[in-house]
Each structure stands twice: as C-alpha cells, then as structure tokens.
C-alpha cells in the first residue's frame, strides 16, 4: 500500500513540474475584403482549444470601406494540420460565420459563411513563446486576404 502512495505522489510531482499550456491565444491582424464594395480592416481575435487539432475563436475588426466606416465579427474554428509545431510553417483551414457591418451605400449589414486557408509561421528561434506571423486567404462577404501576428503557444499551434 505504501508503494502505491509513493508512486502516485511521484506522478503528481512530475505533472506539477510540467510547463502549463496557454489556453487563450490572441492575434492582431489586417484584412482586405474584396467584393462589390471592398474594405480594409484592422482586427483583434481570441481563440481557445476545442481539441488537439482545433481552436475556436472570435475575431472583430474595424476599418474603412468605400462609403465610410465598416466592421465585422467572425466566429470560426481553425483546424491545424500540425498541432504540435513539428514543422516551422503549418497549413490550417478554418470555417465559421462572419457578420459584416457596412453603410447602406456599401450594401448594409449581412451574415456570411466563412471559409479560410492559412499559414502560421514559426516561433522566434530558441524561444518557447512569442508572436508568430500568419497569412490567410478565404471567402466570407467577399474574397479575403489577411496578414497578422498570433501569440505562439509552447509546443502547440
């Protein structure tokens, strides 16, 4: 019995010593949305793990369109093909819904299906955390192209 207690105590010490995983991942980005009326938006996003390969998040953006201010809210899930950072650059796909908020002259506010393909870059050399570059292209209220920086997670994407 004493042997089992010692074994469980040793397991607890090992798990407490492990590096905790960052649950909340943030990003800053700039997106161009090209449609009948186009716009450019700066955005901020947060995401949380929904499994080993998937992160679910929310992105909000504000910018300028042809006839004035515009904005958007994206709710999406991102599927990473390299969740454990085994490669320097990793391909991912995302899907969700997007709400675009525009002036009446630019077509008004509407909800759209969102499909994105992206590439996430490496962590800074020799570091276990930091900001990584992202490049995206997709469809959702028009053709989209985006670039940004996402908070890198130790040993995860």
N, C-alpha and C. Protein backbone atom coordinates (compact mmCIF):
# COMPACT_ATOMS: atom_id res chain seq x y z
N UNK A 1 0.82 -1.20 0.00
CA UNK A 1 0.00 0.00 0.00
C UNK A 1 0.86 1.25 0.00
N UNK A 2 1.93 1.24 0.79
CA UNK A 2 2.82 2.39 0.86
C UNK A 2 3.49 2.62 -0.49
N UNK A 3 3.76 1.53 -1.23
CA UNK A 3 4.38 1.64 -2.55
C UNK A 3 3.48 2.40 -3.53
N UNK A 4 2.16 2.11 -3.49
CA UNK A 4 1.20 2.80 -4.37
C UNK A 4 1.12 4.29 -4.03
N UNK A 5 1.12 4.60 -2.75
CA UNK A 5 1.06 6.02 -2.34
C UNK A 5 2.29 6.76 -2.82
N UNK A 6 3.45 6.14 -2.72
CA UNK A 6 4.69 6.78 -3.18
C UNK A 6 4.65 6.98 -4.69
N UNK A 7 4.12 5.99 -5.43
CA UNK A 7 4.04 6.10 -6.89
C UNK A 7 3.12 7.24 -7.30
N UNK A 8 1.95 7.33 -6.68
CA UNK A 8 1.01 8.41 -7.02
C UNK A 8 1.58 9.78 -6.63
N UNK A 9 2.32 9.86 -5.53
CA UNK A 9 2.95 11.12 -5.14
C UNK A 9 3.99 11.54 -6.16
N UNK A 10 4.76 10.59 -6.68
CA UNK A 10 5.78 10.89 -7.69
C UNK A 10 5.13 11.37 -8.98
N UNK A 11 4.03 10.75 -9.38
CA UNK A 11 3.31 11.17 -10.59
C UNK A 11 2.81 12.59 -10.43
N UNK A 12 2.28 12.92 -9.26
CA UNK A 12 1.76 14.27 -9.01
C UNK A 12 2.88 15.30 -9.10
N UNK A 13 4.06 14.98 -8.59
CA UNK A 13 5.19 15.92 -8.64
C UNK A 13 5.59 16.16 -10.09
N UNK A 14 5.63 15.11 -10.91
CA UNK A 14 6.01 15.25 -12.32
C UNK A 14 5.00 16.12 -13.06
N UNK A 15 3.72 15.90 -12.87
CA UNK A 15 2.72 16.69 -13.59
C UNK A 15 2.71 18.14 -13.13
N UNK A 16 2.98 18.42 -11.87
CA UNK A 16 3.03 19.79 -11.39
C UNK A 16 4.23 20.53 -11.98
N UNK A 17 5.29 19.81 -12.31
CA UNK A 17 6.51 20.44 -12.81
C UNK A 17 6.44 20.74 -14.31
N UNK A 18 5.45 20.21 -15.01
CA UNK A 18 5.35 20.44 -16.45
C UNK A 18 4.97 21.88 -16.74
N UNK A 19 5.38 22.35 -17.91
CA UNK A 19 5.05 23.71 -18.34
C UNK A 19 3.55 23.80 -18.62
N UNK A 20 2.84 24.73 -17.98
CA UNK A 20 1.41 24.84 -18.24
C UNK A 20 1.16 25.35 -19.66
N UNK A 21 0.12 24.84 -20.28
CA UNK A 21 -0.23 25.25 -21.63
C UNK A 21 -1.07 26.52 -21.60
N UNK A 22 -0.78 27.41 -22.51
CA UNK A 22 -1.54 28.65 -22.64
C UNK A 22 -2.89 28.32 -23.25
N UNK A 23 -3.96 28.64 -22.57
CA UNK A 23 -5.30 28.31 -23.05
C UNK A 23 -5.84 29.36 -24.01
N UNK A 24 -5.64 30.63 -23.71
CA UNK A 24 -6.16 31.72 -24.51
C UNK A 24 -5.09 32.19 -25.48
N UNK A 25 -5.42 32.20 -26.77
CA UNK A 25 -4.48 32.64 -27.80
C UNK A 25 -5.03 33.91 -28.45
N UNK A 26 -4.22 34.96 -28.53
CA UNK A 26 -4.66 36.22 -29.10
C UNK A 26 -3.96 36.48 -30.43
N UNK A 27 -4.54 37.37 -31.23
CA UNK A 27 -3.93 37.75 -32.50
C UNK A 27 -4.32 39.17 -32.88
N UNK A 28 -3.43 39.82 -33.61
CA UNK A 28 -3.67 41.12 -34.21
C UNK A 28 -3.52 40.94 -35.71
N UNK A 29 -4.38 41.58 -36.50
CA UNK A 29 -4.39 41.32 -37.94
C UNK A 29 -4.89 42.50 -38.75
N UNK A 30 -4.60 42.47 -40.06
CA UNK A 30 -5.14 43.41 -41.03
C UNK A 30 -5.69 42.58 -42.18
N UNK A 31 -6.94 42.87 -42.56
CA UNK A 31 -7.61 42.11 -43.62
C UNK A 31 -8.14 43.03 -44.70
N UNK A 32 -8.01 42.59 -45.93
CA UNK A 32 -8.67 43.24 -47.05
C UNK A 32 -9.80 42.35 -47.51
N UNK A 33 -11.00 42.91 -47.64
CA UNK A 33 -12.16 42.15 -48.11
C UNK A 33 -12.58 42.77 -49.44
N UNK A 34 -12.54 41.96 -50.50
CA UNK A 34 -12.77 42.45 -51.85
C UNK A 34 -14.08 41.88 -52.39
N UNK A 35 -15.05 42.77 -52.58
CA UNK A 35 -16.37 42.40 -53.07
C UNK A 35 -16.87 43.55 -53.95
N UNK A 36 -18.16 43.60 -54.17
CA UNK A 36 -18.74 44.72 -54.92
C UNK A 36 -18.32 46.04 -54.30
N UNK A 37 -18.32 46.10 -52.98
CA UNK A 37 -17.74 47.23 -52.24
C UNK A 37 -16.70 46.64 -51.29
N UNK A 38 -15.48 47.06 -51.45
CA UNK A 38 -14.36 46.49 -50.69
C UNK A 38 -14.05 47.30 -49.46
N UNK A 39 -13.24 46.72 -48.58
CA UNK A 39 -12.84 47.42 -47.36
C UNK A 39 -11.55 46.85 -46.81
N UNK A 40 -10.92 47.63 -45.94
CA UNK A 40 -9.71 47.21 -45.23
C UNK A 40 -9.98 47.38 -43.74
N UNK A 41 -9.65 46.34 -42.95
CA UNK A 41 -9.97 46.36 -41.52
C UNK A 41 -8.79 45.89 -40.68
N UNK A 42 -8.61 46.52 -39.55
CA UNK A 42 -7.68 46.05 -38.53
C UNK A 42 -8.50 45.24 -37.54
N UNK A 43 -7.96 44.11 -37.08
CA UNK A 43 -8.75 43.26 -36.20
C UNK A 43 -7.97 42.69 -35.04
N UNK A 44 -8.72 42.20 -34.06
CA UNK A 44 -8.18 41.53 -32.89
C UNK A 44 -8.99 40.26 -32.67
N UNK A 45 -8.31 39.16 -32.33
CA UNK A 45 -9.01 37.90 -32.13
C UNK A 45 -8.51 37.14 -30.92
N UNK A 46 -9.37 36.28 -30.40
CA UNK A 46 -9.01 35.36 -29.32
C UNK A 46 -9.53 33.98 -29.69
N UNK A 47 -8.79 32.94 -29.29
CA UNK A 47 -9.24 31.58 -29.54
C UNK A 47 -8.85 30.69 -28.36
N UNK A 48 -9.57 29.59 -28.22
CA UNK A 48 -9.33 28.61 -27.16
C UNK A 48 -9.33 27.22 -27.79
N UNK A 49 -8.66 26.25 -27.16
CA UNK A 49 -8.64 24.89 -27.71
C UNK A 49 -10.02 24.24 -27.68
N UNK A 50 -10.32 23.54 -28.77
CA UNK A 50 -11.55 22.74 -28.85
C UNK A 50 -11.20 21.28 -29.09
N UNK A 51 -9.97 20.92 -28.87
CA UNK A 51 -9.44 19.58 -29.11
C UNK A 51 -7.98 19.71 -29.48
N UNK A 52 -7.36 18.61 -29.85
CA UNK A 52 -5.94 18.64 -30.19
C UNK A 52 -5.70 19.43 -31.47
N UNK A 53 -6.52 19.23 -32.49
CA UNK A 53 -6.30 19.84 -33.79
C UNK A 53 -7.08 21.14 -34.00
N UNK A 54 -8.03 21.44 -33.14
CA UNK A 54 -8.97 22.54 -33.40
C UNK A 54 -8.92 23.61 -32.32
N UNK A 55 -8.96 24.87 -32.75
CA UNK A 55 -9.13 26.03 -31.86
C UNK A 55 -10.34 26.80 -32.36
N UNK A 56 -11.18 27.25 -31.45
CA UNK A 56 -12.36 28.02 -31.80
C UNK A 56 -12.20 29.43 -31.26
N UNK A 57 -12.58 30.41 -32.09
CA UNK A 57 -12.35 31.78 -31.65
C UNK A 57 -13.27 32.81 -32.27
N UNK A 58 -13.02 34.03 -31.86
CA UNK A 58 -13.80 35.19 -32.28
C UNK A 58 -12.82 36.27 -32.72
N UNK A 59 -13.09 36.87 -33.90
CA UNK A 59 -12.28 37.97 -34.41
C UNK A 59 -13.21 39.15 -34.66
N UNK A 60 -12.80 40.33 -34.21
CA UNK A 60 -13.55 41.55 -34.52
C UNK A 60 -12.63 42.48 -35.29
N UNK A 61 -13.22 43.23 -36.19
CA UNK A 61 -12.42 44.14 -37.00
C UNK A 61 -13.16 45.45 -37.24
N UNK A 62 -12.40 46.52 -37.35
CA UNK A 62 -12.93 47.84 -37.70
C UNK A 62 -12.06 48.41 -38.79
N UNK A 63 -12.71 49.11 -39.73
CA UNK A 63 -11.93 49.69 -40.81
C UNK A 63 -12.73 50.66 -41.64
N UNK A 64 -12.28 50.79 -42.87
CA UNK A 64 -12.88 51.75 -43.78
C UNK A 64 -13.28 51.06 -45.07
N UNK A 65 -14.48 51.39 -45.54
CA UNK A 65 -14.97 50.88 -46.81
C UNK A 65 -15.10 52.02 -47.80
N UNK A 66 -15.71 51.74 -48.92
CA UNK A 66 -15.84 52.75 -49.97
C UNK A 66 -16.62 53.99 -49.51
N UNK A 67 -17.66 53.79 -48.68
CA UNK A 67 -18.51 54.89 -48.25
C UNK A 67 -18.44 55.17 -46.75
N UNK A 68 -17.37 54.81 -46.09
CA UNK A 68 -17.25 55.12 -44.67
C UNK A 68 -16.81 53.93 -43.84
N UNK A 69 -17.07 54.05 -42.54
CA UNK A 69 -16.63 53.03 -41.58
C UNK A 69 -17.36 51.71 -41.79
N UNK A 70 -16.66 50.64 -41.48
CA UNK A 70 -17.25 49.30 -41.52
C UNK A 70 -16.61 48.45 -40.45
N UNK A 71 -17.22 47.30 -40.20
CA UNK A 71 -16.68 46.38 -39.20
C UNK A 71 -17.13 44.97 -39.48
N UNK A 72 -16.63 44.05 -38.68
CA UNK A 72 -17.03 42.65 -38.84
C UNK A 72 -16.80 41.90 -37.53
N UNK A 73 -17.50 40.78 -37.41
CA UNK A 73 -17.32 39.83 -36.33
C UNK A 73 -17.29 38.45 -36.96
N UNK A 74 -16.23 37.69 -36.71
CA UNK A 74 -16.10 36.33 -37.24
C UNK A 74 -16.09 35.34 -36.07
N UNK A 75 -16.89 34.31 -36.17
CA UNK A 75 -16.87 33.19 -35.23
C UNK A 75 -16.43 31.99 -36.05
N UNK A 76 -15.26 31.42 -35.71
CA UNK A 76 -14.73 30.36 -36.56
C UNK A 76 -13.97 29.32 -35.75
N UNK A 77 -13.81 28.15 -36.37
CA UNK A 77 -12.98 27.08 -35.82
C UNK A 77 -11.86 26.81 -36.80
N UNK A 78 -10.65 26.72 -36.27
CA UNK A 78 -9.43 26.55 -37.07
C UNK A 78 -8.89 25.14 -36.86
N UNK A 79 -8.68 24.40 -37.95
CA UNK A 79 -8.14 23.04 -37.91
C UNK A 79 -6.68 23.09 -38.37
N UNK A 80 -5.75 22.77 -37.48
CA UNK A 80 -4.32 22.81 -37.79
C UNK A 80 -3.85 21.44 -38.24
N UNK A 81 -3.08 21.40 -39.33
CA UNK A 81 -2.50 20.15 -39.81
C UNK A 81 -1.22 19.78 -39.06
N UNK A 82 -0.71 20.70 -38.23
CA UNK A 82 0.50 20.47 -37.43
C UNK A 82 0.29 21.04 -36.03
N UNK A 83 -0.53 20.38 -35.19
CA UNK A 83 -0.86 20.96 -33.88
C UNK A 83 0.30 20.99 -32.89
N UNK A 84 1.37 20.22 -33.13
CA UNK A 84 2.47 20.14 -32.16
C UNK A 84 3.74 20.84 -32.62
N UNK A 85 3.65 21.75 -33.60
CA UNK A 85 4.80 22.52 -34.09
C UNK A 85 5.95 21.64 -34.52
N UNK A 86 5.69 20.60 -35.27
CA UNK A 86 6.74 19.73 -35.77
C UNK A 86 7.42 20.33 -37.00
N UNK A 87 6.75 21.25 -37.68
CA UNK A 87 7.31 21.96 -38.83
C UNK A 87 7.38 23.45 -38.49
N UNK A 88 8.28 24.16 -39.17
CA UNK A 88 8.39 25.61 -38.91
C UNK A 88 7.11 26.32 -39.35
N UNK A 89 6.60 26.02 -40.51
CA UNK A 89 5.38 26.63 -41.04
C UNK A 89 4.30 25.57 -41.10
N UNK A 90 3.06 25.93 -40.81
CA UNK A 90 1.97 24.95 -40.80
C UNK A 90 0.74 25.49 -41.53
N UNK A 91 0.15 24.64 -42.31
CA UNK A 91 -1.08 24.95 -43.02
C UNK A 91 -2.28 24.70 -42.10
N UNK A 92 -3.31 25.53 -42.20
CA UNK A 92 -4.54 25.30 -41.45
C UNK A 92 -5.73 25.74 -42.29
N UNK A 93 -6.88 25.23 -41.93
CA UNK A 93 -8.13 25.62 -42.55
C UNK A 93 -9.09 26.07 -41.47
N UNK A 94 -9.98 26.99 -41.81
CA UNK A 94 -10.95 27.48 -40.84
C UNK A 94 -12.30 27.65 -41.51
N UNK A 95 -13.34 27.50 -40.72
CA UNK A 95 -14.70 27.69 -41.22
C UNK A 95 -15.54 28.28 -40.09
N UNK A 96 -16.55 29.04 -40.49
CA UNK A 96 -17.43 29.64 -39.49
C UNK A 96 -18.42 30.59 -40.14
N UNK A 97 -18.83 31.58 -39.37
CA UNK A 97 -19.75 32.60 -39.87
C UNK A 97 -19.13 33.98 -39.64
N UNK A 98 -19.51 34.91 -40.52
CA UNK A 98 -18.98 36.27 -40.43
C UNK A 98 -20.12 37.26 -40.56
N UNK A 99 -20.12 38.27 -39.72
CA UNK A 99 -21.07 39.36 -39.85
C UNK A 99 -20.33 40.60 -40.30
N UNK A 100 -20.73 41.17 -41.44
CA UNK A 100 -20.13 42.43 -41.91
C UNK A 100 -21.11 43.56 -41.67
N UNK A 101 -20.61 44.62 -41.10
CA UNK A 101 -21.43 45.78 -40.76
C UNK A 101 -20.94 46.97 -41.59
N UNK A 102 -21.77 47.38 -42.57
CA UNK A 102 -21.37 48.44 -43.50
C UNK A 102 -22.50 49.46 -43.64
N UNK A 103 -22.16 50.58 -44.25
CA UNK A 103 -23.17 51.59 -44.54
C UNK A 103 -24.16 51.05 -45.57
N UNK A 104 -25.31 51.66 -45.64
CA UNK A 104 -26.33 51.23 -46.61
C UNK A 104 -25.79 51.34 -48.04
N UNK A 105 -24.99 52.39 -48.32
CA UNK A 105 -24.42 52.57 -49.65
C UNK A 105 -23.46 51.44 -50.02
N UNK A 106 -22.83 50.84 -49.01
CA UNK A 106 -21.91 49.73 -49.26
C UNK A 106 -22.62 48.37 -49.22
N UNK A 107 -23.92 48.36 -49.07
CA UNK A 107 -24.67 47.09 -49.09
C UNK A 107 -25.29 46.72 -47.77
N UNK A 108 -25.04 47.48 -46.72
CA UNK A 108 -25.65 47.19 -45.43
C UNK A 108 -25.00 46.02 -44.71
N UNK A 109 -25.61 45.63 -43.61
CA UNK A 109 -25.07 44.55 -42.78
C UNK A 109 -25.66 43.21 -43.19
N UNK A 110 -24.78 42.19 -43.23
CA UNK A 110 -25.21 40.85 -43.62
C UNK A 110 -24.34 39.81 -42.91
N UNK A 111 -24.86 38.59 -42.82
CA UNK A 111 -24.09 37.45 -42.31
C UNK A 111 -23.66 36.59 -43.50
N UNK A 112 -22.47 36.00 -43.38
CA UNK A 112 -21.92 35.20 -44.47
C UNK A 112 -21.28 33.93 -43.91
N UNK A 113 -21.22 32.90 -44.73
CA UNK A 113 -20.45 31.71 -44.42
C UNK A 113 -18.98 32.07 -44.64
N UNK A 114 -18.09 31.59 -43.78
CA UNK A 114 -16.68 31.95 -43.83
C UNK A 114 -15.83 30.69 -44.04
N UNK A 115 -14.97 30.71 -45.06
CA UNK A 115 -14.02 29.63 -45.32
C UNK A 115 -12.64 30.26 -45.52
N UNK A 116 -11.64 29.75 -44.81
CA UNK A 116 -10.30 30.35 -44.84
C UNK A 116 -9.25 29.25 -44.92
N UNK A 117 -8.17 29.53 -45.64
CA UNK A 117 -6.98 28.70 -45.63
C UNK A 117 -5.84 29.61 -45.18
N UNK A 118 -4.98 29.10 -44.29
CA UNK A 118 -3.92 29.95 -43.76
C UNK A 118 -2.63 29.22 -43.53
N UNK A 119 -1.60 30.01 -43.26
CA UNK A 119 -0.27 29.51 -42.98
C UNK A 119 0.23 30.22 -41.74
N UNK A 120 0.65 29.44 -40.73
CA UNK A 120 1.17 30.00 -39.48
C UNK A 120 2.66 29.73 -39.40
N UNK A 121 3.42 30.76 -39.05
CA UNK A 121 4.87 30.67 -39.03
C UNK A 121 5.45 30.14 -37.73
N UNK A 122 6.79 30.13 -37.66
CA UNK A 122 7.49 29.56 -36.51
C UNK A 122 7.60 30.54 -35.35
N UNK A 123 7.83 29.99 -34.17
CA UNK A 123 8.19 30.80 -33.01
C UNK A 123 9.58 31.38 -33.23
N UNK A 124 9.90 32.50 -32.60
CA UNK A 124 11.26 33.04 -32.71
C UNK A 124 12.28 31.99 -32.29
N UNK A 125 13.39 31.93 -32.98
CA UNK A 125 14.42 30.92 -32.77
C UNK A 125 14.85 30.85 -31.30
N UNK A 126 14.79 29.64 -30.75
CA UNK A 126 15.22 29.41 -29.38
C UNK A 126 14.23 29.82 -28.31
N UNK A 127 13.02 30.25 -28.69
CA UNK A 127 12.04 30.69 -27.70
C UNK A 127 10.86 29.71 -27.66
N UNK A 128 10.23 29.63 -26.50
CA UNK A 128 9.05 28.77 -26.34
C UNK A 128 7.76 29.56 -26.42
N UNK A 129 7.84 30.86 -26.63
CA UNK A 129 6.66 31.70 -26.77
C UNK A 129 7.00 32.93 -27.58
N UNK A 130 6.00 33.68 -27.94
CA UNK A 130 6.22 34.89 -28.72
C UNK A 130 5.16 35.02 -29.80
N UNK A 131 5.35 35.98 -30.68
CA UNK A 131 4.40 36.24 -31.76
C UNK A 131 4.87 35.56 -33.03
N UNK A 132 3.92 34.92 -33.73
CA UNK A 132 4.24 34.24 -34.99
C UNK A 132 3.44 34.88 -36.13
N UNK A 133 4.01 34.93 -37.35
CA UNK A 133 3.29 35.52 -38.47
C UNK A 133 2.20 34.58 -38.99
N UNK A 134 1.12 35.17 -39.49
CA UNK A 134 0.06 34.41 -40.15
C UNK A 134 -0.28 35.08 -41.47
N UNK A 135 -0.63 34.25 -42.45
CA UNK A 135 -1.07 34.71 -43.77
C UNK A 135 -2.32 33.91 -44.10
N UNK A 136 -3.40 34.59 -44.52
CA UNK A 136 -4.66 33.90 -44.81
C UNK A 136 -5.28 34.37 -46.11
N UNK A 137 -6.06 33.49 -46.72
CA UNK A 137 -6.89 33.82 -47.88
C UNK A 137 -8.19 33.05 -47.72
N UNK A 138 -9.30 33.66 -48.13
CA UNK A 138 -10.56 32.96 -47.98
C UNK A 138 -11.73 33.69 -48.59
N UNK A 139 -12.91 33.21 -48.25
CA UNK A 139 -14.18 33.77 -48.70
C UNK A 139 -15.10 33.97 -47.52
N UNK A 140 -15.79 35.12 -47.50
CA UNK A 140 -16.75 35.42 -46.45
C UNK A 140 -17.14 36.89 -46.55
N UNK A 141 -18.21 37.18 -47.28
CA UNK A 141 -18.58 38.57 -47.53
C UNK A 141 -17.73 39.17 -48.63
N UNK A 142 -17.06 38.31 -49.40
CA UNK A 142 -16.14 38.69 -50.46
C UNK A 142 -14.87 37.89 -50.32
N UNK A 143 -13.97 38.06 -51.27
CA UNK A 143 -12.66 37.42 -51.18
C UNK A 143 -11.86 38.13 -50.10
N UNK A 144 -11.12 37.37 -49.30
CA UNK A 144 -10.37 37.94 -48.18
C UNK A 144 -8.90 37.59 -48.28
N UNK A 145 -8.10 38.55 -47.89
CA UNK A 145 -6.66 38.32 -47.73
C UNK A 145 -6.28 38.98 -46.42
N UNK A 146 -5.55 38.25 -45.57
CA UNK A 146 -5.18 38.79 -44.28
C UNK A 146 -3.76 38.44 -43.88
N UNK A 147 -3.15 39.32 -43.11
CA UNK A 147 -1.84 39.08 -42.51
C UNK A 147 -1.92 39.51 -41.06
N UNK A 148 -1.07 38.91 -40.23
CA UNK A 148 -1.12 39.31 -38.83
C UNK A 148 -0.07 38.61 -38.00
N UNK A 149 -0.22 38.80 -36.69
CA UNK A 149 0.63 38.16 -35.70
C UNK A 149 -0.26 37.46 -34.68
N UNK A 150 0.06 36.20 -34.42
CA UNK A 150 -0.70 35.39 -33.45
C UNK A 150 0.25 35.01 -32.32
N UNK A 151 -0.25 34.99 -31.12
CA UNK A 151 0.55 34.61 -29.95
C UNK A 151 0.88 33.12 -30.07
N UNK A 152 2.17 32.80 -30.13
CA UNK A 152 2.61 31.42 -30.23
C UNK A 152 2.48 30.70 -28.90
N UNK A 153 2.16 29.43 -28.97
CA UNK A 153 1.99 28.60 -27.78
C UNK A 153 3.11 27.59 -27.73
N UNK A 154 3.69 27.38 -26.55
CA UNK A 154 4.77 26.43 -26.35
C UNK A 154 4.37 25.03 -26.81
N UNK A 155 5.07 24.50 -27.80
CA UNK A 155 4.90 23.14 -28.31
C UNK A 155 3.53 22.88 -28.93
N UNK A 156 2.73 23.91 -29.18
CA UNK A 156 1.39 23.74 -29.76
C UNK A 156 1.15 24.83 -30.79
N UNK A 157 0.13 24.65 -31.59
CA UNK A 157 -0.33 25.70 -32.51
C UNK A 157 -1.68 26.15 -32.08
